[in-house]
C-alpha cells in the first residue's frame, strides 16, 4: 500500500514549517507532496497531484482557504478518485469554530497543538481507510461523498460570511452602477428587478440586464447579503442570477450544469456547491 500524501496551503512559512514538523510526529508515514502559500496555487497543485489529505489555512492572499476548497470540490473529477480528506487551519474565534463543528468539518487551531492535531490525523486516517474499503464500489458513491463535502462547504461559507443579515431598511431595490463604456462620472440607477445576473470581474462586478451591461465597484460578497435570497440565487463563487429569469438548465457529458437566462445569450456555469438548487437534474 502506498504511503498517504498531503498538500499544505499556508501563507506564513514559519507556520507551514511548524505544521510539517507536527505532522511528521503525528503521522510519520505521511508524505507532504507540496506546500503552497495561496488559495489559487492550492487548487492548481491539488488537481495536479491528487493528494490524499489537504490542510488549508483559512486566511490566505487572494482566494481564501474556504473558497479554494469550494473551487477544488467543484473542479474535482470523481473518476480520478475520492475527494481528499480535508482539514482547515484557522485562528478564527469560537463562533467560527462552532460553524466548523456544526458542519462536521475538521479544523486545527493556530498555533497548532499536538493533541488537537492528533485527533485530526486520527479522523483523516479513518476517512482514508473508509475510502479504500469503498474503492471497488460504484462511482455514484464517490459522487455522493463529494456532494456531501460540497454541501458542508456551502453551509460553512454562508455561516462565516460577514454581514449575512440584510440592512435594517431591507434588501436593495436599486443598484447604483456605471454603464460600461461611459465616462467615469456617469452613474445610473438600475432596478434590481431588471438585473439578469451579477458576476465578479477583477475589481468590479458585472451587472447584466437585457438592455446592456454595467459595472459596480462593490465586491460581490458585500452585495450578496443585500439581495433578496428568494429572488437572487448564487450559482457559482462569482455568479449570482435572478432566479425567475432562468430559462434552461442543462447537464453536459461531464456532469456539469450550465444555465441560460431569458433575454441573455450567456451560458453560466453552475458550481457543484449550488447544484442542489436544481434537484430535478
Protein backbone atom coordinates (compact mmCIF):
# COMPACT_ATOMS: atom_id res chain seq x y z
CA UNK A 1 0.00 0.00 0.00
CA UNK A 2 1.34 3.42 -0.99
CA UNK A 3 2.11 5.96 1.71
CA UNK A 4 -0.59 8.63 2.11
CA UNK A 5 0.18 12.06 0.65
CA UNK A 6 -0.81 15.58 1.69
CA UNK A 7 -0.77 19.16 0.47
CA UNK A 8 -0.38 22.14 2.83
CA UNK A 9 -1.68 25.59 1.93
CA UNK A 10 -0.35 28.18 4.39
CA UNK A 11 0.91 31.67 3.53
CA UNK A 12 3.17 32.03 6.59
CA UNK A 13 6.36 29.96 6.06
CA UNK A 14 7.09 29.55 9.77
CA UNK A 15 3.58 28.20 10.45
CA UNK A 16 3.81 25.90 7.43
CA UNK A 17 7.13 24.53 8.73
CA UNK A 18 5.65 24.07 12.21
CA UNK A 19 2.67 22.15 10.78
CA UNK A 20 5.02 19.92 8.75
CA UNK A 21 7.07 19.17 11.87
CA UNK A 22 3.98 18.31 13.95
CA UNK A 23 2.60 16.13 11.14
CA UNK A 24 5.90 14.25 10.95
CA UNK A 25 5.40 13.30 14.61
CA UNK A 26 1.65 12.64 14.49
CA UNK A 27 1.58 10.89 11.09
CA UNK A 28 5.10 9.61 10.31
CA UNK A 29 4.18 7.80 7.09
CA UNK A 30 2.50 10.88 5.58
CA UNK A 31 4.37 12.39 2.63
CA UNK A 32 3.98 16.15 2.07
CA UNK A 33 3.95 16.43 -1.73
CA UNK A 34 3.56 20.22 -1.88
CA UNK A 35 3.36 23.30 0.31
CA UNK A 36 1.91 26.48 -1.23
CA UNK A 37 1.15 29.95 0.05
CA UNK A 38 -2.10 30.96 -1.63
CA UNK A 39 -5.51 29.54 -2.49
CA UNK A 40 -5.16 29.58 -6.27
CA UNK A 41 -1.92 27.57 -6.10
CA UNK A 42 -3.57 25.16 -3.66
CA UNK A 43 -6.33 24.39 -6.16
CA UNK A 44 -3.85 24.03 -9.04
CA UNK A 45 -1.49 21.73 -7.15
CA UNK A 46 -4.28 19.63 -5.62
CA UNK A 47 -5.78 18.97 -9.05
CA UNK A 48 -2.35 18.08 -10.44
CA UNK A 49 -1.08 15.93 -7.57
CA UNK A 50 -4.32 14.36 -6.26
CA UNK A 51 -3.14 14.15 -2.62
CA UNK A 52 -4.96 12.03 -0.06
CA UNK A 53 -5.20 14.84 2.50
CA UNK A 54 -5.41 18.63 2.48
CA UNK A 55 -4.50 21.14 5.19
CA UNK A 56 -5.80 24.57 4.13
CA UNK A 57 -5.24 27.80 6.02
CA UNK A 58 -8.43 29.86 6.07
CA UNK A 59 -6.92 33.29 5.50
CA UNK A 60 -4.53 33.49 2.55
CA UNK A 61 -3.79 36.15 -0.06
CA UNK A 62 -6.42 36.38 -2.78
CA UNK A 63 -8.55 33.26 -2.55
CA UNK A 64 -9.30 32.09 0.99
CA UNK A 65 -8.85 28.50 2.09
CA UNK A 66 -12.62 28.06 2.17
CA UNK A 67 -13.02 29.42 -1.35
CA UNK A 68 -10.11 27.29 -2.55
CA UNK A 69 -11.70 24.15 -1.10
CA UNK A 70 -15.02 25.05 -2.72
CA UNK A 71 -13.38 25.64 -6.10
CA UNK A 72 -11.45 22.39 -5.79
CA UNK A 73 -14.61 20.45 -4.93
CA UNK A 74 -16.30 21.92 -8.00
CA UNK A 75 -13.40 21.04 -10.30
CA UNK A 76 -12.67 17.57 -8.84
CA UNK A 77 -13.15 14.65 -11.22
CA UNK A 78 -14.83 11.78 -9.34
CA UNK A 79 -13.42 9.31 -11.85
CA UNK A 80 -9.89 10.23 -10.71
CA UNK A 81 -10.64 9.09 -7.16
CA UNK A 82 -12.34 10.26 -3.98
CA UNK A 83 -12.02 13.84 -2.80
CA UNK A 84 -9.12 14.27 -0.31
CA UNK A 85 -9.65 14.29 3.44
CA UNK A 86 -9.83 17.97 4.34
CA UNK A 87 -8.88 19.96 7.44
CA UNK A 88 -8.74 23.72 7.87
CA UNK A 89 -6.05 25.52 9.84
CA UNK A 90 -7.57 28.57 11.47
CA UNK A 91 -7.08 31.32 14.02
CA UNK A 92 -10.81 32.09 13.97
CA UNK A 93 -12.84 32.78 17.10
CA UNK A 94 -15.23 30.45 18.92
CA UNK A 95 -18.17 31.45 16.70
CA UNK A 96 -16.32 30.19 13.65
CA UNK A 97 -15.21 27.04 15.48
CA UNK A 98 -18.88 26.29 16.21
CA UNK A 99 -19.61 26.65 12.50
CA UNK A 100 -16.88 24.09 11.70
CA UNK A 101 -18.23 21.67 14.28
CA UNK A 102 -21.82 22.11 13.09
CA UNK A 103 -20.81 21.12 9.57
CA UNK A 104 -18.56 18.27 10.81
CA UNK A 105 -15.59 19.87 9.03
CA UNK A 106 -12.32 19.20 10.80
CA UNK A 107 -10.05 22.06 11.85
CA UNK A 108 -6.79 22.78 13.63
CA UNK A 109 -6.40 25.99 15.61
CA UNK A 110 -3.30 28.18 15.38
CA UNK A 111 -0.81 27.79 16.93
CA UNK A 112 -1.00 24.07 16.21
CA UNK A 113 -1.40 21.99 19.36
CA UNK A 114 -0.08 18.40 19.14
CA UNK A 115 -3.07 16.91 20.96
CA UNK A 116 -5.64 18.56 18.67
CA UNK A 117 -3.64 17.67 15.57
CA UNK A 118 -3.51 14.02 16.65
CA UNK A 119 -7.32 13.96 16.79
CA UNK A 120 -7.49 15.46 13.30
CA UNK A 121 -4.98 12.94 11.98
CA UNK A 122 -6.97 10.08 13.51
CA UNK A 123 -10.15 11.27 11.76
CA UNK A 124 -8.32 11.64 8.45
CA UNK A 125 -6.82 8.17 8.72
CA UNK A 126 -10.26 6.71 9.37
CA UNK A 127 -11.69 8.63 6.41
CA UNK A 128 -8.94 7.36 4.09
CA UNK A 129 -9.40 3.79 5.34
CA UNK A 130 -13.13 4.06 4.64
CA UNK A 131 -12.41 5.34 1.13
CA UNK A 132 -10.08 2.42 0.50
CA UNK A 133 -12.78 -0.07 1.53
CA UNK A 134 -15.26 1.56 -0.81
CA UNK A 135 -12.83 1.84 -3.72
CA UNK A 136 -14.38 -1.13 -5.51
CA UNK A 137 -17.91 0.27 -5.27
CA UNK A 138 -19.64 2.45 -7.84
CA UNK A 139 -18.66 5.94 -8.93
CA UNK A 140 -22.05 7.07 -7.62
CA UNK A 141 -20.77 6.53 -4.10
CA UNK A 142 -17.77 8.78 -4.79
CA UNK A 143 -20.08 11.44 -6.18
CA UNK A 144 -22.29 11.16 -3.13
CA UNK A 145 -19.30 11.78 -0.84
CA UNK A 146 -18.14 14.71 -2.94
CA UNK A 147 -21.63 16.21 -2.96
CA UNK A 148 -21.74 15.90 0.84
CA UNK A 149 -18.42 17.77 1.05
CA UNK A 150 -19.81 20.46 -1.27
CA UNK A 151 -22.87 20.83 0.98
CA UNK A 152 -20.64 21.21 4.06
CA UNK A 153 -18.52 23.86 2.36
CA UNK A 154 -21.57 25.78 1.11
CA UNK A 155 -23.05 25.97 4.61
CA UNK A 156 -19.68 26.89 6.08
CA UNK A 157 -19.17 29.71 3.58
CA UNK A 158 -22.63 31.07 4.41
CA UNK A 159 -22.05 30.82 8.17
CA UNK A 160 -18.70 32.61 8.06
CA UNK A 161 -19.67 35.28 5.54
CA UNK A 162 -19.70 38.70 7.22
CA UNK A 163 -22.89 40.73 7.07
CA UNK A 164 -25.18 37.76 6.49
CA UNK A 165 -28.25 39.69 7.71
CA UNK A 166 -29.86 42.35 5.47
CA UNK A 167 -29.70 46.02 6.39
CA UNK A 168 -32.48 47.37 8.58
CA UNK A 169 -34.07 49.15 5.65
CA UNK A 170 -34.47 45.84 3.81
CA UNK A 171 -32.99 44.45 0.63
CA UNK A 172 -31.72 46.60 -2.21
CA UNK A 173 -34.31 47.83 -4.70
CA UNK A 174 -31.87 49.62 -6.99
CA UNK A 175 -28.20 49.33 -7.84
CA UNK A 176 -26.00 52.36 -8.44
CA UNK A 177 -23.96 51.40 -11.49
CA UNK A 178 -21.55 52.81 -14.05
CA UNK A 179 -22.69 51.98 -17.61
CA UNK A 180 -19.98 50.03 -19.46
CA UNK A 181 -18.07 52.34 -21.79
CA UNK A 182 -19.44 55.51 -20.19
CA UNK A 183 -17.32 58.22 -18.59
CA UNK A 184 -16.06 57.86 -15.04
CA UNK A 185 -18.53 60.45 -13.77
CA UNK A 186 -21.66 58.74 -15.15
CA UNK A 187 -23.91 56.97 -12.66
CA UNK A 188 -27.18 55.16 -13.40
CA UNK A 189 -29.79 53.63 -11.11
CA UNK A 190 -30.85 50.12 -12.17
CA UNK A 191 -33.86 48.45 -10.50
CA UNK A 192 -32.84 45.02 -9.17
CA UNK A 193 -35.85 43.56 -10.99
CA UNK A 194 -34.11 44.40 -14.28
CA UNK A 195 -30.93 42.54 -13.34
CA UNK A 196 -30.40 39.17 -15.02
CA UNK A 197 -27.14 38.27 -13.30
CA UNK A 198 -24.15 39.69 -11.44
CA UNK A 199 -20.65 38.36 -11.99
CA UNK A 200 -17.37 39.18 -10.28
CA UNK A 201 -14.77 40.52 -12.71
CA UNK A 202 -11.40 41.71 -11.36
CA UNK A 203 -12.07 44.80 -9.20
CA UNK A 204 -15.63 45.19 -10.44
CA UNK A 205 -18.91 43.31 -10.60
CA UNK A 206 -20.68 43.00 -13.95
CA UNK A 207 -24.36 43.84 -13.70
CA UNK A 208 -26.08 42.38 -16.76
CA UNK A 209 -29.61 43.32 -17.81
CA UNK A 210 -31.49 42.58 -21.03
CA UNK A 211 -30.74 46.16 -22.11
CA UNK A 212 -26.99 46.09 -21.51
CA UNK A 213 -24.11 45.70 -19.12
CA UNK A 214 -22.98 47.88 -16.22
CA UNK A 215 -20.28 47.83 -13.56
CA UNK A 216 -20.24 48.34 -9.80
CA UNK A 217 -17.20 48.60 -7.55
CA UNK A 218 -18.82 46.90 -4.53
CA UNK A 219 -17.45 43.34 -4.16
CA UNK A 220 -19.95 40.57 -4.88
CA UNK A 221 -19.53 39.15 -1.37
CA UNK A 222 -20.71 42.51 0.01
CA UNK A 223 -23.59 42.84 -2.44
CA UNK A 224 -24.95 39.34 -1.87
CA UNK A 225 -26.31 39.88 1.69
CA UNK A 226 -28.14 42.97 0.40
CA UNK A 227 -30.06 41.00 -2.24
CA UNK A 228 -33.26 39.07 -1.52
CA UNK A 229 -32.22 35.37 -1.45
CA UNK A 230 -35.67 34.38 -2.70
CA UNK A 231 -35.08 36.49 -5.79
CA UNK A 232 -31.34 36.12 -6.35
CA UNK A 233 -29.53 32.77 -6.28
CA UNK A 234 -25.80 32.28 -6.07
CA UNK A 235 -24.88 29.58 -8.61
CA UNK A 236 -21.10 29.95 -8.50
CA UNK A 237 -18.46 31.58 -6.31
CA UNK A 238 -18.51 34.60 -8.63
CA UNK A 239 -22.02 34.49 -10.13
CA UNK A 240 -25.49 35.41 -8.84
CA UNK A 241 -28.60 35.13 -11.03
CA UNK A 242 -32.16 36.41 -10.77
CA UNK A 243 -33.99 33.14 -10.23
CA UNK A 244 -37.19 33.98 -12.12
CA UNK A 245 -35.16 34.87 -15.24
CA UNK A 246 -33.91 31.27 -15.56
CA UNK A 247 -34.69 29.78 -18.95
CA UNK A 248 -32.87 26.44 -19.17
CA UNK A 249 -30.53 24.34 -17.01
CA UNK A 250 -28.65 21.55 -18.77
CA UNK A 251 -26.15 18.91 -17.68
CA UNK A 252 -23.25 18.26 -20.06
CA UNK A 253 -21.46 14.96 -20.76
CA UNK A 254 -19.04 15.64 -17.89
CA UNK A 255 -21.93 16.05 -15.44
CA UNK A 256 -21.54 19.84 -15.12
CA UNK A 257 -24.62 22.07 -15.01
CA UNK A 258 -24.99 25.15 -17.21
CA UNK A 259 -27.74 27.75 -17.03
CA UNK A 260 -29.21 30.23 -19.51
CA UNK A 261 -31.40 33.24 -18.77
CA UNK A 262 -34.20 34.73 -20.81
CA UNK A 263 -33.01 37.75 -22.76
CA UNK A 264 -29.33 36.86 -22.36
CA UNK A 265 -27.03 34.83 -24.67
CA UNK A 266 -24.53 33.96 -21.90
CA UNK A 267 -24.27 30.37 -20.71
CA UNK A 268 -23.40 30.35 -17.00
CA UNK A 269 -21.68 27.52 -15.15
CA UNK A 270 -23.37 26.16 -12.01
CA UNK A 271 -20.93 25.13 -9.30
CA UNK A 272 -21.29 21.75 -7.59
CA UNK A 273 -21.86 23.68 -4.35
CA UNK A 274 -25.09 25.13 -5.73
CA UNK A 275 -26.34 22.23 -7.85
CA UNK A 276 -28.89 21.45 -5.09
CA UNK A 277 -30.92 24.42 -6.39
CA UNK A 278 -31.79 22.28 -9.40
CA UNK A 279 -32.52 18.93 -7.74
CA UNK A 280 -34.61 17.64 -10.63
CA UNK A 281 -31.37 17.29 -12.60
